[in-house]
Amino acid sequence: MHEYDNMVLQCFLDNQLQLFPEKVADSLEEAEDFLEECMAVVVNGKKEVLNFFEEEGLDLEGADEDGILEADEVFDIGDGRYLIIEG
């Protein structure tokens, strides 16, 4: 089970429409339930985002770091951490 702090949950609530056509959560509790259900991960920094996608088997050859960080499933929490939601 992951621990999502309020900053992570609020980031997801504020930005969920970048990934989904309509809201999937309206409260911190709903956001936490949703993130746990889809096994979202929180990583510390850009390098860990890239490592995550490499471990998932994505071919990052020639991929630009900023493009990966702007992917719909990557949320910049704002404190150096990133939330990644797996499809």
PDB file of N, CA and C in Angstrom:
ATOM      1  N   MET A   1       0.841  -1.195   0.000  1.00  0.00           N
ATOM      2  CA  MET A   1       0.000   0.000   0.000  1.00  0.00           C
ATOM      3  C   MET A   1       0.878   1.247   0.000  1.00  0.00           C
ATOM      4  N   HIS A   2       0.522   2.186  -0.822  1.00  0.00           N
ATOM      5  CA  HIS A   2       1.303   3.418  -0.946  1.00  0.00           C
ATOM      6  C   HIS A   2       0.776   4.464   0.041  1.00  0.00           C
ATOM      7  N   GLU A   3       1.663   5.324   0.427  1.00  0.00           N
ATOM      8  CA  GLU A   3       1.260   6.455   1.254  1.00  0.00           C
ATOM      9  C   GLU A   3       1.264   7.700   0.373  1.00  0.00           C
ATOM     10  N   TYR A   4       0.119   8.283   0.190  1.00  0.00           N
ATOM     11  CA  TYR A   4       0.007   9.515  -0.590  1.00  0.00           C
ATOM     12  C   TYR A   4      -0.285  10.656   0.378  1.00  0.00           C
ATOM     13  N   ASP A   5       0.624  11.625   0.454  1.00  0.00           N
ATOM     14  CA  ASP A   5       0.377  12.746   1.356  1.00  0.00           C
ATOM     15  C   ASP A   5      -0.589  13.738   0.703  1.00  0.00           C
ATOM     16  N   ASN A   6      -1.035  14.714   1.478  1.00  0.00           N
ATOM     17  CA  ASN A   6      -2.042  15.645   0.982  1.00  0.00           C
ATOM     18  C   ASN A   6      -1.566  16.429  -0.233  1.00  0.00           C
ATOM     19  N   MET A   7      -0.267  16.711  -0.312  1.00  0.00           N
ATOM     20  CA  MET A   7       0.256  17.451  -1.462  1.00  0.00           C
ATOM     21  C   MET A   7       0.093  16.628  -2.745  1.00  0.00           C
ATOM     22  N   VAL A   8       0.369  15.328  -2.655  1.00  0.00           N
ATOM     23  CA  VAL A   8       0.200  14.426  -3.799  1.00  0.00           C
ATOM     24  C   VAL A   8      -1.272  14.343  -4.182  1.00  0.00           C
ATOM     25  N   LEU A   9      -2.134  14.147  -3.197  1.00  0.00           N
ATOM     26  CA  LEU A   9      -3.569  14.016  -3.458  1.00  0.00           C
ATOM     27  C   LEU A   9      -4.140  15.294  -4.066  1.00  0.00           C
ATOM     28  N   GLN A  10      -3.725  16.437  -3.541  1.00  0.00           N
ATOM     29  CA  GLN A  10      -4.232  17.708  -4.066  1.00  0.00           C
ATOM     30  C   GLN A  10      -3.744  17.929  -5.490  1.00  0.00           C
ATOM     31  N   CYS A  11      -2.496  17.572  -5.765  1.00  0.00           N
ATOM     32  CA  CYS A  11      -1.960  17.687  -7.121  1.00  0.00           C
ATOM     33  C   CYS A  11      -2.811  16.867  -8.086  1.00  0.00           C
ATOM     34  N   PHE A  12      -3.143  15.644  -7.682  1.00  0.00           N
ATOM     35  CA  PHE A  12      -3.965  14.804  -8.550  1.00  0.00           C
ATOM     36  C   PHE A  12      -5.360  15.404  -8.735  1.00  0.00           C
ATOM     37  N   LEU A  13      -5.969  15.845  -7.652  1.00  0.00           N
ATOM     38  CA  LEU A  13      -7.310  16.457  -7.756  1.00  0.00           C
ATOM     39  C   LEU A  13      -7.297  17.650  -8.704  1.00  0.00           C
ATOM     40  N   ASP A  14      -6.276  18.490  -8.578  1.00  0.00           N
ATOM     41  CA  ASP A  14      -6.205  19.715  -9.380  1.00  0.00           C
ATOM     42  C   ASP A  14      -5.919  19.433 -10.853  1.00  0.00           C
ATOM     43  N   ASN A  15      -5.231  18.327 -11.140  1.00  0.00           N
ATOM     44  CA  ASN A  15      -4.735  18.087 -12.499  1.00  0.00           C
ATOM     45  C   ASN A  15      -5.274  16.826 -13.159  1.00  0.00           C
ATOM     46  N   GLN A  16      -6.236  16.158 -12.544  1.00  0.00           N
ATOM     47  CA  GLN A  16      -6.697  14.867 -13.064  1.00  0.00           C
ATOM     48  C   GLN A  16      -7.232  14.939 -14.491  1.00  0.00           C
ATOM     49  N   LEU A  17      -7.714  16.090 -14.914  1.00  0.00           N
ATOM     50  CA  LEU A  17      -8.282  16.200 -16.262  1.00  0.00           C
ATOM     51  C   LEU A  17      -7.211  16.158 -17.351  1.00  0.00           C
ATOM     52  N   GLN A  18      -5.924  16.239 -16.969  1.00  0.00           N
ATOM     53  CA  GLN A  18      -4.872  16.083 -17.981  1.00  0.00           C
ATOM     54  C   GLN A  18      -4.807  14.629 -18.457  1.00  0.00           C
ATOM     55  N   LEU A  19      -5.318  13.708 -17.658  1.00  0.00           N
ATOM     56  CA  LEU A  19      -5.256  12.288 -18.001  1.00  0.00           C
ATOM     57  C   LEU A  19      -6.624  11.690 -18.306  1.00  0.00           C
ATOM     58  N   PHE A  20      -7.658  12.211 -17.669  1.00  0.00           N
ATOM     59  CA  PHE A  20      -8.993  11.628 -17.806  1.00  0.00           C
ATOM     60  C   PHE A  20      -9.961  12.645 -18.403  1.00  0.00           C
ATOM     61  N   PRO A  21     -10.938  12.168 -19.205  1.00  0.00           N
ATOM     62  CA  PRO A  21     -11.884  13.094 -19.834  1.00  0.00           C
ATOM     63  C   PRO A  21     -12.836  13.757 -18.837  1.00  0.00           C
ATOM     64  N   GLU A  22     -13.038  13.114 -17.702  1.00  0.00           N
ATOM     65  CA  GLU A  22     -13.865  13.726 -16.659  1.00  0.00           C
ATOM     66  C   GLU A  22     -13.277  13.370 -15.303  1.00  0.00           C
ATOM     67  N   LYS A  23     -13.675  14.105 -14.280  1.00  0.00           N
ATOM     68  CA  LYS A  23     -13.111  13.884 -12.945  1.00  0.00           C
ATOM     69  C   LYS A  23     -13.389  12.472 -12.444  1.00  0.00           C
ATOM     70  N   VAL A  24     -12.369  11.872 -11.839  1.00  0.00           N
ATOM     71  CA  VAL A  24     -12.524  10.548 -11.238  1.00  0.00           C
ATOM     72  C   VAL A  24     -12.557  10.643  -9.715  1.00  0.00           C
ATOM     73  N   ALA A  25     -12.258  11.841  -9.189  1.00  0.00           N
ATOM     74  CA  ALA A  25     -12.256  12.046  -7.740  1.00  0.00           C
ATOM     75  C   ALA A  25     -12.655  13.482  -7.432  1.00  0.00           C
ATOM     76  N   ASP A  26     -13.422  13.650  -6.343  1.00  0.00           N
ATOM     77  CA  ASP A  26     -13.857  14.979  -5.923  1.00  0.00           C
ATOM     78  C   ASP A  26     -13.351  15.359  -4.543  1.00  0.00           C
ATOM     79  N   SER A  27     -12.662  14.439  -3.875  1.00  0.00           N
ATOM     80  CA  SER A  27     -12.165  14.721  -2.526  1.00  0.00           C
ATOM     81  C   SER A  27     -10.809  14.049  -2.357  1.00  0.00           C
ATOM     82  N   LEU A  28     -10.107  14.426  -1.304  1.00  0.00           N
ATOM     83  CA  LEU A  28      -8.813  13.796  -1.028  1.00  0.00           C
ATOM     84  C   LEU A  28      -8.976  12.298  -0.809  1.00  0.00           C
ATOM     85  N   GLU A  29     -10.064  11.908  -0.140  1.00  0.00           N
ATOM     86  CA  GLU A  29     -10.299  10.483   0.126  1.00  0.00           C
ATOM     87  C   GLU A  29     -10.524   9.717  -1.172  1.00  0.00           C
ATOM     88  N   GLU A  30     -11.345  10.291  -2.069  1.00  0.00           N
ATOM     89  CA  GLU A  30     -11.596   9.637  -3.353  1.00  0.00           C
ATOM     90  C   GLU A  30     -10.314   9.572  -4.175  1.00  0.00           C
ATOM     91  N   ALA A  31      -9.516  10.631  -4.121  1.00  0.00           N
ATOM     92  CA  ALA A  31      -8.248  10.642  -4.855  1.00  0.00           C
ATOM     93  C   ALA A  31      -7.334   9.536  -4.339  1.00  0.00           C
ATOM     94  N   GLU A  32      -7.258   9.394  -3.022  1.00  0.00           N
ATOM     95  CA  GLU A  32      -6.407   8.365  -2.437  1.00  0.00           C
ATOM     96  C   GLU A  32      -6.884   6.969  -2.842  1.00  0.00           C
ATOM     97  N   ASP A  33      -8.190   6.745  -2.774  1.00  0.00           N
ATOM     98  CA  ASP A  33      -8.746   5.449  -3.183  1.00  0.00           C
ATOM     99  C   ASP A  33      -8.411   5.151  -4.638  1.00  0.00           C
ATOM    100  N   PHE A  34      -8.574   6.160  -5.489  1.00  0.00           N
ATOM    101  CA  PHE A  34      -8.308   5.959  -6.913  1.00  0.00           C
ATOM    102  C   PHE A  34      -6.835   5.652  -7.157  1.00  0.00           C
ATOM    103  N   LEU A  35      -5.943   6.416  -6.533  1.00  0.00           N
ATOM    104  CA  LEU A  35      -4.507   6.212  -6.742  1.00  0.00           C
ATOM    105  C   LEU A  35      -4.066   4.844  -6.248  1.00  0.00           C
ATOM    106  N   GLU A  36      -4.628   4.400  -5.122  1.00  0.00           N
ATOM    107  CA  GLU A  36      -4.296   3.067  -4.616  1.00  0.00           C
ATOM    108  C   GLU A  36      -4.786   1.993  -5.577  1.00  0.00           C
ATOM    109  N   GLU A  37      -5.984   2.196  -6.114  1.00  0.00           N
ATOM    110  CA  GLU A  37      -6.569   1.222  -7.024  1.00  0.00           C
ATOM    111  C   GLU A  37      -5.725   1.041  -8.285  1.00  0.00           C
ATOM    112  N   CYS A  38      -5.214   2.143  -8.822  1.00  0.00           N
ATOM    113  CA  CYS A  38      -4.433   2.028 -10.053  1.00  0.00           C
ATOM    114  C   CYS A  38      -2.931   1.938  -9.770  1.00  0.00           C
ATOM    115  N   MET A  39      -2.583   1.766  -8.505  1.00  0.00           N
ATOM    116  CA  MET A  39      -1.198   1.567  -8.095  1.00  0.00           C
ATOM    117  C   MET A  39      -0.266   2.677  -8.603  1.00  0.00           C
ATOM    118  N   ALA A  40      -0.703   3.899  -8.415  1.00  0.00           N
ATOM    119  CA  ALA A  40       0.116   5.047  -8.797  1.00  0.00           C
ATOM    120  C   ALA A  40       1.351   5.092  -7.911  1.00  0.00           C
ATOM    121  N   VAL A  41       2.433   5.631  -8.457  1.00  0.00           N
ATOM    122  CA  VAL A  41       3.670   5.716  -7.691  1.00  0.00           C
ATOM    123  C   VAL A  41       4.124   7.164  -7.598  1.00  0.00           C
ATOM    124  N   VAL A  42       4.806   7.462  -6.510  1.00  0.00           N
ATOM    125  CA  VAL A  42       5.417   8.769  -6.319  1.00  0.00           C
ATOM    126  C   VAL A  42       6.924   8.564  -6.367  1.00  0.00           C
ATOM    127  N   VAL A  43       7.595   9.334  -7.221  1.00  0.00           N
ATOM    128  CA  VAL A  43       9.047   9.226  -7.330  1.00  0.00           C
ATOM    129  C   VAL A  43       9.689  10.569  -7.027  1.00  0.00           C
ATOM    130  N   ASN A  44      10.955  10.506  -6.619  1.00  0.00           N
ATOM    131  CA  ASN A  44      11.692  11.709  -6.238  1.00  0.00           C
ATOM    132  C   ASN A  44      12.584  12.179  -7.376  1.00  0.00           C
ATOM    133  N   GLY A  45      12.051  13.026  -8.222  1.00  0.00           N
ATOM    134  CA  GLY A  45      12.873  13.658  -9.242  1.00  0.00           C
ATOM    135  C   GLY A  45      12.737  13.076 -10.633  1.00  0.00           C
ATOM    136  N   LYS A  46      13.257  13.858 -11.579  1.00  0.00           N
ATOM    137  CA  LYS A  46      13.156  13.525 -12.996  1.00  0.00           C
ATOM    138  C   LYS A  46      13.834  12.198 -13.327  1.00  0.00           C
ATOM    139  N   LYS A  47      14.992  11.967 -12.739  1.00  0.00           N
ATOM    140  CA  LYS A  47      15.732  10.737 -13.045  1.00  0.00           C
ATOM    141  C   LYS A  47      14.919   9.503 -12.669  1.00  0.00           C
ATOM    142  N   GLU A  48      14.218   9.566 -11.537  1.00  0.00           N
ATOM    143  CA  GLU A  48      13.399   8.429 -11.127  1.00  0.00           C
ATOM    144  C   GLU A  48      12.195   8.228 -12.043  1.00  0.00           C
ATOM    145  N   VAL A  49      11.690   9.313 -12.634  1.00  0.00           N
ATOM    146  CA  VAL A  49      10.607   9.171 -13.617  1.00  0.00           C
ATOM    147  C   VAL A  49      11.134   8.368 -14.805  1.00  0.00           C
ATOM    148  N   LEU A  50      12.311   8.754 -15.296  1.00  0.00           N
ATOM    149  CA  LEU A  50      12.902   8.054 -16.440  1.00  0.00           C
ATOM    150  C   LEU A  50      13.199   6.601 -16.090  1.00  0.00           C
ATOM    151  N   ASN A  51      13.747   6.368 -14.891  1.00  0.00           N
ATOM    152  CA  ASN A  51      14.028   4.993 -14.456  1.00  0.00           C
ATOM    153  C   ASN A  51      12.753   4.168 -14.399  1.00  0.00           C
ATOM    154  N   PHE A  52      11.675   4.768 -13.897  1.00  0.00           N
ATOM    155  CA  PHE A  52      10.402   4.067 -13.802  1.00  0.00           C
ATOM    156  C   PHE A  52       9.965   3.566 -15.174  1.00  0.00           C
ATOM    157  N   PHE A  53       9.999   4.462 -16.177  1.00  0.00           N
ATOM    158  CA  PHE A  53       9.540   4.071 -17.507  1.00  0.00           C
ATOM    159  C   PHE A  53      10.466   3.040 -18.137  1.00  0.00           C
ATOM    160  N   GLU A  54      11.765   3.137 -17.862  1.00  0.00           N
ATOM    161  CA  GLU A  54      12.701   2.125 -18.361  1.00  0.00           C
ATOM    162  C   GLU A  54      12.376   0.764 -17.754  1.00  0.00           C
ATOM    163  N   GLU A  55      12.101   0.742 -16.438  1.00  0.00           N
ATOM    164  CA  GLU A  55      11.772  -0.512 -15.765  1.00  0.00           C
ATOM    165  C   GLU A  55      10.458  -1.099 -16.276  1.00  0.00           C
ATOM    166  N   GLU A  56       9.568  -0.237 -16.741  1.00  0.00           N
ATOM    167  CA  GLU A  56       8.294  -0.704 -17.289  1.00  0.00           C
ATOM    168  C   GLU A  56       8.464  -1.238 -18.709  1.00  0.00           C
ATOM    169  N   GLY A  57       9.682  -1.117 -19.226  1.00  0.00           N
ATOM    170  CA  GLY A  57       9.965  -1.666 -20.548  1.00  0.00           C
ATOM    171  C   GLY A  57       9.699  -0.722 -21.707  1.00  0.00           C
ATOM    172  N   LEU A  58       9.515   0.549 -21.417  1.00  0.00           N
ATOM    173  CA  LEU A  58       9.309   1.502 -22.504  1.00  0.00           C
ATOM    174  C   LEU A  58      10.642   1.847 -23.131  1.00  0.00           C
ATOM    175  N   ASP A  59      10.642   1.943 -24.437  1.00  0.00           N
ATOM    176  CA  ASP A  59      11.859   2.290 -25.160  1.00  0.00           C
ATOM    177  C   ASP A  59      12.037   3.804 -25.104  1.00  0.00           C
ATOM    178  N   LEU A  60      13.030   4.239 -24.364  1.00  0.00           N
ATOM    179  CA  LEU A  60      13.254   5.675 -24.208  1.00  0.00           C
ATOM    180  C   LEU A  60      14.352   6.178 -25.132  1.00  0.00           C
ATOM    181  N   GLU A  61      14.814   5.318 -26.017  1.00  0.00           N
ATOM    182  CA  GLU A  61      15.861   5.696 -26.960  1.00  0.00           C
ATOM    183  C   GLU A  61      15.415   6.911 -27.747  1.00  0.00           C
ATOM    184  N   GLY A  62      16.175   7.985 -27.658  1.00  0.00           N
ATOM    185  CA  GLY A  62      15.845   9.190 -28.405  1.00  0.00           C
ATOM    186  C   GLY A  62      14.712  10.002 -27.789  1.00  0.00           C
ATOM    187  N   ALA A  63      14.135   9.514 -26.695  1.00  0.00           N
ATOM    188  CA  ALA A  63      13.059  10.261 -26.052  1.00  0.00           C
ATOM    189  C   ALA A  63      13.656  11.445 -25.313  1.00  0.00           C
ATOM    190  N   ASP A  64      12.972  12.540 -25.350  1.00  0.00           N
ATOM    191  CA  ASP A  64      13.509  13.695 -24.650  1.00  0.00           C
ATOM    192  C   ASP A  64      12.882  13.780 -23.266  1.00  0.00           C
ATOM    193  N   GLU A  65      13.740  14.073 -22.300  1.00  0.00           N
ATOM    194  CA  GLU A  65      13.333  14.053 -20.889  1.00  0.00           C
ATOM    195  C   GLU A  65      12.105  14.916 -20.641  1.00  0.00           C
ATOM    196  N   ASP A  66      12.083  16.112 -21.225  1.00  0.00           N
ATOM    197  CA  ASP A  66      10.946  17.000 -21.006  1.00  0.00           C
ATOM    198  C   ASP A  66       9.662  16.418 -21.581  1.00  0.00           C
ATOM    199  N   GLY A  67       9.775  15.729 -22.713  1.00  0.00           N
ATOM    200  CA  GLY A  67       8.603  15.100 -23.307  1.00  0.00           C
ATOM    201  C   GLY A  67       8.025  14.038 -22.398  1.00  0.00           C
ATOM    202  N   ILE A  68       8.899  13.268 -21.765  1.00  0.00           N
ATOM    203  CA  ILE A  68       8.450  12.224 -20.841  1.00  0.00           C
ATOM    204  C   ILE A  68       7.781  12.861 -19.627  1.00  0.00           C
ATOM    205  N   LEU A  69       8.364  13.929 -19.121  1.00  0.00           N
ATOM    206  CA  LEU A  69       7.807  14.602 -17.949  1.00  0.00           C
ATOM    207  C   LEU A  69       6.474  15.274 -18.265  1.00  0.00           C
ATOM    208  N   GLU A  70       6.217  15.537 -19.547  1.00  0.00           N
ATOM    209  CA  GLU A  70       4.948  16.153 -19.934  1.00  0.00           C
ATOM    210  C   GLU A  70       3.905  15.120 -20.335  1.00  0.00           C
ATOM    211  N   ALA A  71       4.239  13.834 -20.229  1.00  0.00           N
ATOM    212  CA  ALA A  71       3.277  12.784 -20.555  1.00  0.00           C
ATOM    213  C   ALA A  71       2.054  12.941 -19.661  1.00  0.00           C
ATOM    214  N   ASP A  72       0.891  12.589 -20.197  1.00  0.00           N
ATOM    215  CA  ASP A  72      -0.362  12.771 -19.463  1.00  0.00           C
ATOM    216  C   ASP A  72      -0.374  12.054 -18.125  1.00  0.00           C
ATOM    217  N   GLU A  73       0.312  10.911 -18.037  1.00  0.00           N
ATOM    218  CA  GLU A  73       0.262  10.136 -16.795  1.00  0.00           C
ATOM    219  C   GLU A  73       1.297  10.574 -15.763  1.00  0.00           C
ATOM    220  N   VAL A  74       2.076  11.609 -16.069  1.00  0.00           N
ATOM    221  CA  VAL A  74       3.080  12.121 -15.133  1.00  0.00           C
ATOM    222  C   VAL A  74       2.605  13.473 -14.596  1.00  0.00           C
ATOM    223  N   PHE A  75       2.515  13.558 -13.275  1.00  0.00           N
ATOM    224  CA  PHE A  75       2.045  14.778 -12.616  1.00  0.00           C
ATOM    225  C   PHE A  75       3.185  15.362 -11.802  1.00  0.00           C
ATOM    226  N   ASP A  76       3.518  16.619 -12.052  1.00  0.00           N
ATOM    227  CA  ASP A  76       4.559  17.317 -11.293  1.00  0.00           C
ATOM    228  C   ASP A  76       3.940  17.824  -9.996  1.00  0.00           C
ATOM    229  N   ILE A  77       4.353  17.247  -8.881  1.00  0.00           N
ATOM    230  CA  ILE A  77       3.762  17.609  -7.594  1.00  0.00           C
ATOM    231  C   ILE A  77       4.169  19.021  -7.184  1.00  0.00           C
ATOM    232  N   GLY A  78       5.320  19.468  -7.651  1.00  0.00           N
ATOM    233  CA  GLY A  78       5.728  20.840  -7.387  1.00  0.00           C
ATOM    234  C   GLY A  78       6.829  20.969  -6.353  1.00  0.00           C
ATOM    235  N   ASP A  79       7.200  19.860  -5.725  1.00  0.00           N
ATOM    236  CA  ASP A  79       8.260  19.917  -4.711  1.00  0.00           C
ATOM    237  C   ASP A  79       9.435  19.023  -5.116  1.00  0.00           C
ATOM    238  N   GLY A  80       9.529  18.736  -6.410  1.00  0.00           N
ATOM    239  CA  GLY A  80      10.594  17.873  -6.902  1.00  0.00           C
ATOM    240  C   GLY A  80      10.150  16.435  -7.111  1.00  0.00           C
ATOM    241  N   ARG A  81       8.981  16.105  -6.572  1.00  0.00           N
ATOM    242  CA  ARG A  81       8.460  14.747  -6.740  1.00  0.00           C
ATOM    243  C   ARG A  81       7.466  14.706  -7.900  1.00  0.00           C
ATOM    244  N   TYR A  82       7.266  13.495  -8.401  1.00  0.00           N
ATOM    245  CA  TYR A  82       6.320  13.291  -9.492  1.00  0.00           C
ATOM    246  C   TYR A  82       5.409  12.120  -9.153  1.00  0.00           C
ATOM    247  N   LEU A  83       4.139  12.252  -9.533  1.00  0.00           N
ATOM    248  CA  LEU A  83       3.162  11.184  -9.389  1.00  0.00           C
ATOM    249  C   LEU A  83       3.014  10.557 -10.770  1.00  0.00           C
ATOM    250  N   ILE A  84       3.121   9.220 -10.840  1.00  0.00           N
ATOM    251  CA  ILE A  84       2.961   8.516 -12.105  1.00  0.00           C
ATOM    252  C   ILE A  84       1.781   7.559 -11.965  1.00  0.00           C
ATOM    253  N   ILE A  85       0.839   7.689 -12.896  1.00  0.00           N
ATOM    254  CA  ILE A  85      -0.341   6.829 -12.873  1.00  0.00           C
ATOM    255  C   ILE A  85      -0.219   5.842 -14.020  1.00  0.00           C
ATOM    256  N   GLU A  86      -0.207   4.572 -13.681  1.00  0.00           N
ATOM    257  CA  GLU A  86      -0.090   3.537 -14.697  1.00  0.00           C
ATOM    258  C   GLU A  86      -1.448   3.290 -15.326  1.00  0.00           C
ATOM    259  N   GLY A  87      -1.446   3.132 -16.666  1.00  0.00           N
ATOM    260  CA  GLY A  87      -2.684   2.884 -17.372  1.00  0.00           C
ATOM    261  C   GLY A  87      -3.091   1.529 -17.084  1.00  0.00           C
TER     262      GLY A  87
END
